[in-house]
Amino acid sequence: ISSDNAKNTVYLQMNALKTEDTADYYCAAGQRLMAY
């Protein structure tokens, strides 16, 4: 995961993908520090 503040964008680079990675992926923003 990485972020680009200038573009107001966060990225998720996914390598070595597996079939179990199949899913709907959602982006979220929060006011907690390192929320899980």
PDB file of all heavy atoms in Angstrom:
ATOM      1  N   ILE A   1       0.848  -1.178   0.000  1.00  0.00           N
ATOM      2  CA  ILE A   1       0.000   0.000   0.000  1.00  0.00           C
ATOM      3  C   ILE A   1       0.889   1.235   0.000  1.00  0.00           C
ATOM      4  O   ILE A   1       1.930   1.265   0.652  1.00  0.00           O
ATOM      5  CB  ILE A   1      -0.964   0.002   1.210  1.00  0.00           C
ATOM      6  CG1 ILE A   1      -1.959   1.162   1.106  1.00  0.00           C
ATOM      7  CG2 ILE A   1      -0.206   0.049   2.525  1.00  0.00           C
ATOM      8  CD1 ILE A   1      -3.069   1.104   2.151  1.00  0.00           C
ATOM      9  N   SER A   2       0.494   2.236  -0.734  1.00  0.00           N
ATOM     10  CA  SER A   2       1.243   3.478  -0.795  1.00  0.00           C
ATOM     11  C   SER A   2       0.280   4.630  -1.008  1.00  0.00           C
ATOM     12  O   SER A   2      -0.877   4.430  -1.385  1.00  0.00           O
ATOM     13  CB  SER A   2       2.293   3.442  -1.909  1.00  0.00           C
ATOM     14  OG  SER A   2       1.684   3.279  -3.174  1.00  0.00           O
ATOM     15  N   SER A   3       0.758   5.829  -0.772  1.00  0.00           N
ATOM     16  CA  SER A   3      -0.087   7.003  -0.927  1.00  0.00           C
ATOM     17  C   SER A   3       0.654   8.104  -1.662  1.00  0.00           C
ATOM     18  O   SER A   3       1.885   8.183  -1.627  1.00  0.00           O
ATOM     19  CB  SER A   3      -0.571   7.513   0.431  1.00  0.00           C
ATOM     20  OG  SER A   3       0.517   7.895   1.250  1.00  0.00           O
ATOM     21  N   ASP A   4      -0.105   8.930  -2.316  1.00  0.00           N
ATOM     22  CA  ASP A   4       0.426  10.087  -3.028  1.00  0.00           C
ATOM     23  C   ASP A   4      -0.441  11.267  -2.611  1.00  0.00           C
ATOM     24  O   ASP A   4      -1.540  11.455  -3.130  1.00  0.00           O
ATOM     25  CB  ASP A   4       0.383   9.869  -4.535  1.00  0.00           C
ATOM     26  CG  ASP A   4       1.051  10.991  -5.306  1.00  0.00           C
ATOM     27  OD1 ASP A   4       1.137  12.115  -4.795  1.00  0.00           O
ATOM     28  OD2 ASP A   4       1.494  10.734  -6.445  1.00  0.00           O
ATOM     29  N   ASN A   5       0.061  12.042  -1.679  1.00  0.00           N
ATOM     30  CA  ASN A   5      -0.733  13.139  -1.145  1.00  0.00           C
ATOM     31  C   ASN A   5      -1.063  14.191  -2.200  1.00  0.00           C
ATOM     32  O   ASN A   5      -2.147  14.774  -2.179  1.00  0.00           O
ATOM     33  CB  ASN A   5      -0.003  13.795   0.025  1.00  0.00           C
ATOM     34  CG  ASN A   5      -0.014  12.939   1.265  1.00  0.00           C
ATOM     35  OD1 ASN A   5      -0.585  11.849   1.282  1.00  0.00           O
ATOM     36  ND2 ASN A   5       0.623  13.432   2.321  1.00  0.00           N
ATOM     37  N   ALA A   6      -0.129  14.430  -3.110  1.00  0.00           N
ATOM     38  CA  ALA A   6      -0.351  15.429  -4.144  1.00  0.00           C
ATOM     39  C   ALA A   6      -1.542  15.066  -5.022  1.00  0.00           C
ATOM     40  O   ALA A   6      -2.263  15.944  -5.495  1.00  0.00           O
ATOM     41  CB  ALA A   6       0.899  15.610  -4.989  1.00  0.00           C
ATOM     42  N   LYS A   7      -1.745  13.777  -5.244  1.00  0.00           N
ATOM     43  CA  LYS A   7      -2.856  13.298  -6.058  1.00  0.00           C
ATOM     44  C   LYS A   7      -4.052  12.863  -5.229  1.00  0.00           C
ATOM     45  O   LYS A   7      -5.066  12.439  -5.786  1.00  0.00           O
ATOM     46  CB  LYS A   7      -2.398  12.141  -6.943  1.00  0.00           C
ATOM     47  CG  LYS A   7      -1.327  12.514  -7.950  1.00  0.00           C
ATOM     48  CD  LYS A   7      -0.942  11.319  -8.800  1.00  0.00           C
ATOM     49  CE  LYS A   7       0.116  11.698  -9.819  1.00  0.00           C
ATOM     50  NZ  LYS A   7       0.512  10.535 -10.655  1.00  0.00           N
ATOM     51  N   ASN A   8      -3.914  12.947  -3.907  1.00  0.00           N
ATOM     52  CA  ASN A   8      -4.981  12.529  -3.001  1.00  0.00           C
ATOM     53  C   ASN A   8      -5.408  11.095  -3.289  1.00  0.00           C
ATOM     54  O   ASN A   8      -6.605  10.774  -3.317  1.00  0.00           O
ATOM     55  CB  ASN A   8      -6.179  13.465  -3.102  1.00  0.00           C
ATOM     56  CG  ASN A   8      -6.584  14.028  -1.758  1.00  0.00           C
ATOM     57  OD1 ASN A   8      -5.771  14.171  -0.854  1.00  0.00           O
ATOM     58  ND2 ASN A   8      -7.860  14.343  -1.621  1.00  0.00           N
ATOM     59  N   THR A   9      -4.421  10.246  -3.473  1.00  0.00           N
ATOM     60  CA  THR A   9      -4.676   8.887  -3.923  1.00  0.00           C
ATOM     61  C   THR A   9      -3.888   7.884  -3.096  1.00  0.00           C
ATOM     62  O   THR A   9      -2.737   8.136  -2.726  1.00  0.00           O
ATOM     63  CB  THR A   9      -4.313   8.724  -5.406  1.00  0.00           C
ATOM     64  OG1 THR A   9      -5.112   9.627  -6.182  1.00  0.00           O
ATOM     65  CG2 THR A   9      -4.560   7.309  -5.882  1.00  0.00           C
ATOM     66  N   VAL A  10      -4.509   6.758  -2.826  1.00  0.00           N
ATOM     67  CA  VAL A  10      -3.837   5.632  -2.202  1.00  0.00           C
ATOM     68  C   VAL A  10      -3.882   4.463  -3.175  1.00  0.00           C
ATOM     69  O   VAL A  10      -4.868   4.288  -3.900  1.00  0.00           O
ATOM     70  CB  VAL A  10      -4.471   5.269  -0.842  1.00  0.00           C
ATOM     71  CG1 VAL A  10      -5.916   4.814  -1.011  1.00  0.00           C
ATOM     72  CG2 VAL A  10      -3.644   4.218  -0.133  1.00  0.00           C
ATOM     73  N   TYR A  11      -2.814   3.684  -3.200  1.00  0.00           N
ATOM     74  CA  TYR A  11      -2.690   2.577  -4.131  1.00  0.00           C
ATOM     75  C   TYR A  11      -2.535   1.266  -3.380  1.00  0.00           C
ATOM     76  O   TYR A  11      -2.048   1.221  -2.251  1.00  0.00           O
ATOM     77  CB  TYR A  11      -1.475   2.754  -5.040  1.00  0.00           C
ATOM     78  CG  TYR A  11      -1.448   4.052  -5.801  1.00  0.00           C
ATOM     79  CD1 TYR A  11      -0.765   5.156  -5.322  1.00  0.00           C
ATOM     80  CD2 TYR A  11      -2.116   4.173  -7.025  1.00  0.00           C
ATOM     81  CE1 TYR A  11      -0.736   6.349  -6.022  1.00  0.00           C
ATOM     82  CE2 TYR A  11      -2.093   5.354  -7.731  1.00  0.00           C
ATOM     83  CZ  TYR A  11      -1.402   6.444  -7.230  1.00  0.00           C
ATOM     84  OH  TYR A  11      -1.379   7.623  -7.933  1.00  0.00           O
ATOM     85  N   LEU A  12      -2.940   0.213  -4.029  1.00  0.00           N
ATOM     86  CA  LEU A  12      -2.668  -1.126  -3.542  1.00  0.00           C
ATOM     87  C   LEU A  12      -2.047  -1.912  -4.682  1.00  0.00           C
ATOM     88  O   LEU A  12      -2.737  -2.291  -5.625  1.00  0.00           O
ATOM     89  CB  LEU A  12      -3.937  -1.818  -3.047  1.00  0.00           C
ATOM     90  CG  LEU A  12      -3.721  -3.206  -2.435  1.00  0.00           C
ATOM     91  CD1 LEU A  12      -2.932  -3.093  -1.129  1.00  0.00           C
ATOM     92  CD2 LEU A  12      -5.055  -3.913  -2.191  1.00  0.00           C
ATOM     93  N   GLN A  13      -0.743  -2.106  -4.600  1.00  0.00           N
ATOM     94  CA  GLN A  13      -0.038  -2.901  -5.588  1.00  0.00           C
ATOM     95  C   GLN A  13      -0.106  -4.359  -5.179  1.00  0.00           C
ATOM     96  O   GLN A  13       0.345  -4.718  -4.086  1.00  0.00           O
ATOM     97  CB  GLN A  13       1.421  -2.451  -5.698  1.00  0.00           C
ATOM     98  CG  GLN A  13       2.249  -3.250  -6.690  1.00  0.00           C
ATOM     99  CD  GLN A  13       1.801  -3.054  -8.115  1.00  0.00           C
ATOM    100  OE1 GLN A  13       1.568  -1.931  -8.542  1.00  0.00           O
ATOM    101  NE2 GLN A  13       1.675  -4.149  -8.853  1.00  0.00           N
ATOM    102  N   MET A  14      -0.664  -5.187  -6.023  1.00  0.00           N
ATOM    103  CA  MET A  14      -0.861  -6.596  -5.722  1.00  0.00           C
ATOM    104  C   MET A  14      -0.024  -7.423  -6.680  1.00  0.00           C
ATOM    105  O   MET A  14      -0.236  -7.387  -7.895  1.00  0.00           O
ATOM    106  CB  MET A  14      -2.341  -6.971  -5.831  1.00  0.00           C
ATOM    107  CG  MET A  14      -3.247  -6.118  -4.953  1.00  0.00           C
ATOM    108  SD  MET A  14      -4.981  -6.660  -4.990  1.00  0.00           S
ATOM    109  CE  MET A  14      -5.390  -6.265  -6.690  1.00  0.00           C
ATOM    110  N   ASN A  15       0.922  -8.156  -6.135  1.00  0.00           N
ATOM    111  CA  ASN A  15       1.789  -9.024  -6.914  1.00  0.00           C
ATOM    112  C   ASN A  15       1.570 -10.473  -6.515  1.00  0.00           C
ATOM    113  O   ASN A  15       1.027 -10.770  -5.454  1.00  0.00           O
ATOM    114  CB  ASN A  15       3.254  -8.642  -6.709  1.00  0.00           C
ATOM    115  CG  ASN A  15       3.573  -7.241  -7.162  1.00  0.00           C
ATOM    116  OD1 ASN A  15       3.019  -6.751  -8.144  1.00  0.00           O
ATOM    117  ND2 ASN A  15       4.483  -6.584  -6.450  1.00  0.00           N
ATOM    118  N   ALA A  16       2.039 -11.367  -7.370  1.00  0.00           N
ATOM    119  CA  ALA A  16       1.926 -12.804  -7.100  1.00  0.00           C
ATOM    120  C   ALA A  16       0.506 -13.167  -6.679  1.00  0.00           C
ATOM    121  O   ALA A  16       0.285 -13.857  -5.686  1.00  0.00           O
ATOM    122  CB  ALA A  16       2.937 -13.225  -6.047  1.00  0.00           C
ATOM    123  N   LEU A  17      -0.447 -12.713  -7.446  1.00  0.00           N
ATOM    124  CA  LEU A  17      -1.846 -12.903  -7.096  1.00  0.00           C
ATOM    125  C   LEU A  17      -2.226 -14.377  -7.077  1.00  0.00           C
ATOM    126  O   LEU A  17      -1.763 -15.166  -7.899  1.00  0.00           O
ATOM    127  CB  LEU A  17      -2.734 -12.141  -8.063  1.00  0.00           C
ATOM    128  CG  LEU A  17      -2.792 -10.629  -7.818  1.00  0.00           C
ATOM    129  CD1 LEU A  17      -3.337  -9.909  -9.038  1.00  0.00           C
ATOM    130  CD2 LEU A  17      -3.646 -10.334  -6.596  1.00  0.00           C
ATOM    131  N   LYS A  18      -3.080 -14.713  -6.137  1.00  0.00           N
ATOM    132  CA  LYS A  18      -3.584 -16.056  -5.967  1.00  0.00           C
ATOM    133  C   LYS A  18      -5.092 -16.058  -6.179  1.00  0.00           C
ATOM    134  O   LYS A  18      -5.751 -15.027  -6.048  1.00  0.00           O
ATOM    135  CB  LYS A  18      -3.262 -16.575  -4.560  1.00  0.00           C
ATOM    136  CG  LYS A  18      -1.794 -16.538  -4.194  1.00  0.00           C
ATOM    137  CD  LYS A  18      -1.598 -16.961  -2.753  1.00  0.00           C
ATOM    138  CE  LYS A  18      -0.142 -16.910  -2.360  1.00  0.00           C
ATOM    139  NZ  LYS A  18       0.056 -17.310  -0.942  1.00  0.00           N
ATOM    140  N   THR A  19      -5.627 -17.220  -6.475  1.00  0.00           N
ATOM    141  CA  THR A  19      -7.069 -17.308  -6.690  1.00  0.00           C
ATOM    142  C   THR A  19      -7.844 -16.876  -5.451  1.00  0.00           C
ATOM    143  O   THR A  19      -8.944 -16.323  -5.570  1.00  0.00           O
ATOM    144  CB  THR A  19      -7.484 -18.723  -7.094  1.00  0.00           C
ATOM    145  OG1 THR A  19      -7.033 -19.664  -6.114  1.00  0.00           O
ATOM    146  CG2 THR A  19      -6.888 -19.091  -8.445  1.00  0.00           C
ATOM    147  N   GLU A  20      -7.288 -17.106  -4.271  1.00  0.00           N
ATOM    148  CA  GLU A  20      -7.965 -16.710  -3.048  1.00  0.00           C
ATOM    149  C   GLU A  20      -7.996 -15.201  -2.829  1.00  0.00           C
ATOM    150  O   GLU A  20      -8.639 -14.721  -1.899  1.00  0.00           O
ATOM    151  CB  GLU A  20      -7.353 -17.398  -1.821  1.00  0.00           C
ATOM    152  CG  GLU A  20      -5.853 -17.205  -1.699  1.00  0.00           C
ATOM    153  CD  GLU A  20      -5.071 -18.397  -2.197  1.00  0.00           C
ATOM    154  OE1 GLU A  20      -5.392 -18.908  -3.286  1.00  0.00           O
ATOM    155  OE2 GLU A  20      -4.129 -18.821  -1.491  1.00  0.00           O
ATOM    156  N   ASP A  21      -7.293 -14.450  -3.675  1.00  0.00           N
ATOM    157  CA  ASP A  21      -7.366 -12.999  -3.619  1.00  0.00           C
ATOM    158  C   ASP A  21      -8.612 -12.461  -4.314  1.00  0.00           C
ATOM    159  O   ASP A  21      -8.888 -11.256  -4.240  1.00  0.00           O
ATOM    160  CB  ASP A  21      -6.123 -12.369  -4.252  1.00  0.00           C
ATOM    161  CG  ASP A  21      -4.852 -12.689  -3.485  1.00  0.00           C
ATOM    162  OD1 ASP A  21      -4.883 -12.680  -2.237  1.00  0.00           O
ATOM    163  OD2 ASP A  21      -3.824 -12.944  -4.138  1.00  0.00           O
ATOM    164  N   THR A  22      -9.324 -13.312  -4.992  1.00  0.00           N
ATOM    165  CA  THR A  22     -10.534 -12.901  -5.689  1.00  0.00           C
ATOM    166  C   THR A  22     -11.554 -12.350  -4.701  1.00  0.00           C
ATOM    167  O   THR A  22     -11.916 -13.013  -3.729  1.00  0.00           O
ATOM    168  CB  THR A  22     -11.135 -14.074  -6.461  1.00  0.00           C
ATOM    169  OG1 THR A  22     -10.229 -14.483  -7.486  1.00  0.00           O
ATOM    170  CG2 THR A  22     -12.459 -13.679  -7.110  1.00  0.00           C
ATOM    171  N   ALA A  23     -11.999 -11.131  -4.942  1.00  0.00           N
ATOM    172  CA  ALA A  23     -12.938 -10.476  -4.040  1.00  0.00           C
ATOM    173  C   ALA A  23     -13.281  -9.101  -4.585  1.00  0.00           C
ATOM    174  O   ALA A  23     -12.662  -8.621  -5.540  1.00  0.00           O
ATOM    175  CB  ALA A  23     -12.354 -10.341  -2.632  1.00  0.00           C
ATOM    176  N   ASP A  24     -14.257  -8.482  -3.966  1.00  0.00           N
ATOM    177  CA  ASP A  24     -14.499  -7.070  -4.172  1.00  0.00           C
ATOM    178  C   ASP A  24     -13.607  -6.303  -3.198  1.00  0.00           C
ATOM    179  O   ASP A  24     -13.605  -6.590  -2.002  1.00  0.00           O
ATOM    180  CB  ASP A  24     -15.962  -6.712  -3.925  1.00  0.00           C
ATOM    181  CG  ASP A  24     -16.883  -7.266  -4.995  1.00  0.00           C
ATOM    182  OD1 ASP A  24     -16.427  -7.454  -6.129  1.00  0.00           O
ATOM    183  OD2 ASP A  24     -18.069  -7.508  -4.687  1.00  0.00           O
ATOM    184  N   TYR A  25     -12.874  -5.345  -3.705  1.00  0.00           N
ATOM    185  CA  TYR A  25     -11.939  -4.581  -2.886  1.00  0.00           C
ATOM    186  C   TYR A  25     -12.488  -3.183  -2.633  1.00  0.00           C
ATOM    187  O   TYR A  25     -12.924  -2.502  -3.560  1.00  0.00           O
ATOM    188  CB  TYR A  25     -10.573  -4.496  -3.569  1.00  0.00           C
ATOM    189  CG  TYR A  25      -9.780  -5.773  -3.447  1.00  0.00           C
ATOM    190  CD1 TYR A  25     -10.144  -6.910  -4.152  1.00  0.00           C
ATOM    191  CD2 TYR A  25      -8.668  -5.844  -2.606  1.00  0.00           C
ATOM    192  CE1 TYR A  25      -9.434  -8.089  -4.026  1.00  0.00           C
ATOM    193  CE2 TYR A  25      -7.951  -7.015  -2.479  1.00  0.00           C
ATOM    194  CZ  TYR A  25      -8.334  -8.132  -3.193  1.00  0.00           C
ATOM    195  OH  TYR A  25      -7.615  -9.304  -3.063  1.00  0.00           O
ATOM    196  N   TYR A  26     -12.434  -2.776  -1.377  1.00  0.00           N
ATOM    197  CA  TYR A  26     -12.983  -1.499  -0.951  1.00  0.00           C
ATOM    198  C   TYR A  26     -11.909  -0.631  -0.321  1.00  0.00           C
ATOM    199  O   TYR A  26     -11.095  -1.104   0.471  1.00  0.00           O
ATOM    200  CB  TYR A  26     -14.107  -1.707   0.072  1.00  0.00           C
ATOM    201  CG  TYR A  26     -15.285  -2.478  -0.462  1.00  0.00           C
ATOM    202  CD1 TYR A  26     -15.320  -3.865  -0.406  1.00  0.00           C
ATOM    203  CD2 TYR A  26     -16.372  -1.817  -1.027  1.00  0.00           C
ATOM    204  CE1 TYR A  26     -16.396  -4.579  -0.897  1.00  0.00           C
ATOM    205  CE2 TYR A  26     -17.455  -2.521  -1.520  1.00  0.00           C
ATOM    206  CZ  TYR A  26     -17.463  -3.898  -1.449  1.00  0.00           C
ATOM    207  OH  TYR A  26     -18.539  -4.603  -1.932  1.00  0.00           O
ATOM    208  N   CYS A  27     -11.938   0.620  -0.662  1.00  0.00           N
ATOM    209  CA  CYS A  27     -11.071   1.617  -0.060  1.00  0.00           C
ATOM    210  C   CYS A  27     -11.835   2.306   1.064  1.00  0.00           C
ATOM    211  O   CYS A  27     -13.048   2.526   0.964  1.00  0.00           O
ATOM    212  CB  CYS A  27     -10.643   2.633  -1.111  1.00  0.00           C
ATOM    213  SG  CYS A  27      -9.650   4.002  -0.497  1.00  0.00           S
ATOM    214  N   ALA A  28     -11.131   2.630   2.141  1.00  0.00           N
ATOM    215  CA  ALA A  28     -11.765   3.271   3.278  1.00  0.00           C
ATOM    216  C   ALA A  28     -10.845   4.323   3.873  1.00  0.00           C
ATOM    217  O   ALA A  28      -9.622   4.228   3.784  1.00  0.00           O
ATOM    218  CB  ALA A  28     -12.124   2.230   4.343  1.00  0.00           C
ATOM    219  N   ALA A  29     -11.448   5.325   4.485  1.00  0.00           N
ATOM    220  CA  ALA A  29     -10.718   6.387   5.160  1.00  0.00           C
ATOM    221  C   ALA A  29     -11.262   6.556   6.563  1.00  0.00           C
ATOM    222  O   ALA A  29     -12.469   6.486   6.780  1.00  0.00           O
ATOM    223  CB  ALA A  29     -10.830   7.699   4.393  1.00  0.00           C
ATOM    224  N   GLY A  30     -10.364   6.782   7.512  1.00  0.00           N
ATOM    225  CA  GLY A  30     -10.779   6.950   8.887  1.00  0.00           C
ATOM    226  C   GLY A  30      -9.904   7.915   9.643  1.00  0.00           C
ATOM    227  O   GLY A  30      -8.847   8.340   9.153  1.00  0.00           O
ATOM    228  N   GLN A  31     -10.337   8.249  10.830  1.00  0.00           N
ATOM    229  CA  GLN A  31      -9.607   9.169  11.677  1.00  0.00           C
ATOM    230  C   GLN A  31      -8.830   8.460  12.771  1.00  0.00           C
ATOM    231  O   GLN A  31      -8.230   9.109  13.610  1.00  0.00           O
ATOM    232  CB  GLN A  31     -10.563  10.200  12.281  1.00  0.00           C
ATOM    233  CG  GLN A  31     -11.170  11.126  11.242  1.00  0.00           C
ATOM    234  CD  GLN A  31     -12.061  12.178  11.842  1.00  0.00           C
ATOM    235  OE1 GLN A  31     -13.078  11.853  12.470  1.00  0.00           O
ATOM    236  NE2 GLN A  31     -11.697  13.430  11.669  1.00  0.00           N
ATOM    237  N   ARG A  32      -8.835   7.144  12.752  1.00  0.00           N
ATOM    238  CA  ARG A  32      -8.014   6.368  13.671  1.00  0.00           C
ATOM    239  C   ARG A  32      -6.609   6.228  13.113  1.00  0.00           C
ATOM    240  O   ARG A  32      -6.399   6.329  11.901  1.00  0.00           O
ATOM    241  CB  ARG A  32      -8.615   4.987  13.909  1.00  0.00           C
ATOM    242  CG  ARG A  32     -10.018   5.001  14.476  1.00  0.00           C
ATOM    243  CD  ARG A  32     -10.021   5.509  15.900  1.00  0.00           C
ATOM    244  NE  ARG A  32     -11.339   5.377  16.504  1.00  0.00           N
ATOM    245  CZ  ARG A  32     -11.732   4.355  17.242  1.00  0.00           C
ATOM    246  NH1 ARG A  32     -10.881   3.357  17.498  1.00  0.00           N
ATOM    247  NH2 ARG A  32     -12.952   4.315  17.738  1.00  0.00           N
ATOM    248  N   LEU A  33      -5.667   5.992  13.987  1.00  0.00           N
ATOM    249  CA  LEU A  33      -4.300   5.747  13.578  1.00  0.00           C
ATOM    250  C   LEU A  33      -4.110   4.257  13.366  1.00  0.00           C
ATOM    251  O   LEU A  33      -4.254   3.472  14.297  1.00  0.00           O
ATOM    252  CB  LEU A  33      -3.323   6.269  14.629  1.00  0.00           C
ATOM    253  CG  LEU A  33      -3.343   7.779  14.861  1.00  0.00           C
ATOM    254  CD1 LEU A  33      -2.355   8.155  15.950  1.00  0.00           C
ATOM    255  CD2 LEU A  33      -3.023   8.530  13.583  1.00  0.00           C
ATOM    256  N   MET A  34      -3.808   3.873  12.128  1.00  0.00           N
ATOM    257  CA  MET A  34      -3.567   2.485  11.761  1.00  0.00           C
ATOM    258  C   MET A  34      -4.728   1.591  12.207  1.00  0.00           C
ATOM    259  O   MET A  34      -4.570   0.649  12.963  1.00  0.00           O
ATOM    260  CB  MET A  34      -2.253   1.989  12.340  1.00  0.00           C
ATOM    261  CG  MET A  34      -1.046   2.784  11.868  1.00  0.00           C
ATOM    262  SD  MET A  34      -0.951   2.906  10.053  1.00  0.00           S
ATOM    263  CE  MET A  34      -0.733   1.186   9.607  1.00  0.00           C
ATOM    264  N   ALA A  35      -5.894   1.915  11.720  1.00  0.00           N
ATOM    265  CA  ALA A  35      -7.088   1.150  12.046  1.00  0.00           C
ATOM    266  C   ALA A  35      -7.133  -0.138  11.247  1.00  0.00           C
ATOM    267  O   ALA A  35      -6.750  -0.181  10.071  1.00  0.00           O
ATOM    268  CB  ALA A  35      -8.336   1.986  11.767  1.00  0.00           C
ATOM    269  N   TYR A  36      -7.640  -1.212  11.877  1.00  0.00           N
ATOM    270  CA  TYR A  36      -7.704  -2.518  11.248  1.00  0.00           C
ATOM    271  C   TYR A  36      -9.123  -3.050  11.107  1.00  0.00           C
ATOM    272  O   TYR A  36      -9.360  -3.955  10.308  1.00  0.00           O
ATOM    273  CB  TYR A  36      -6.878  -3.522  12.055  1.00  0.00           C
ATOM    274  CG  TYR A  36      -5.482  -3.039  12.370  1.00  0.00           C
ATOM    275  CD1 TYR A  36      -5.125  -2.700  13.670  1.00  0.00           C
ATOM    276  CD2 TYR A  36      -4.529  -2.920  11.369  1.00  0.00           C
ATOM    277  CE1 TYR A  36      -3.851  -2.247  13.960  1.00  0.00           C
ATOM    278  CE2 TYR A  36      -3.252  -2.468  11.653  1.00  0.00           C
ATOM    279  CZ  TYR A  36      -2.915  -2.137  12.952  1.00  0.00           C
ATOM    280  OH  TYR A  36      -1.651  -1.692  13.246  1.00  0.00           O
TER     281      TYR A  36
END
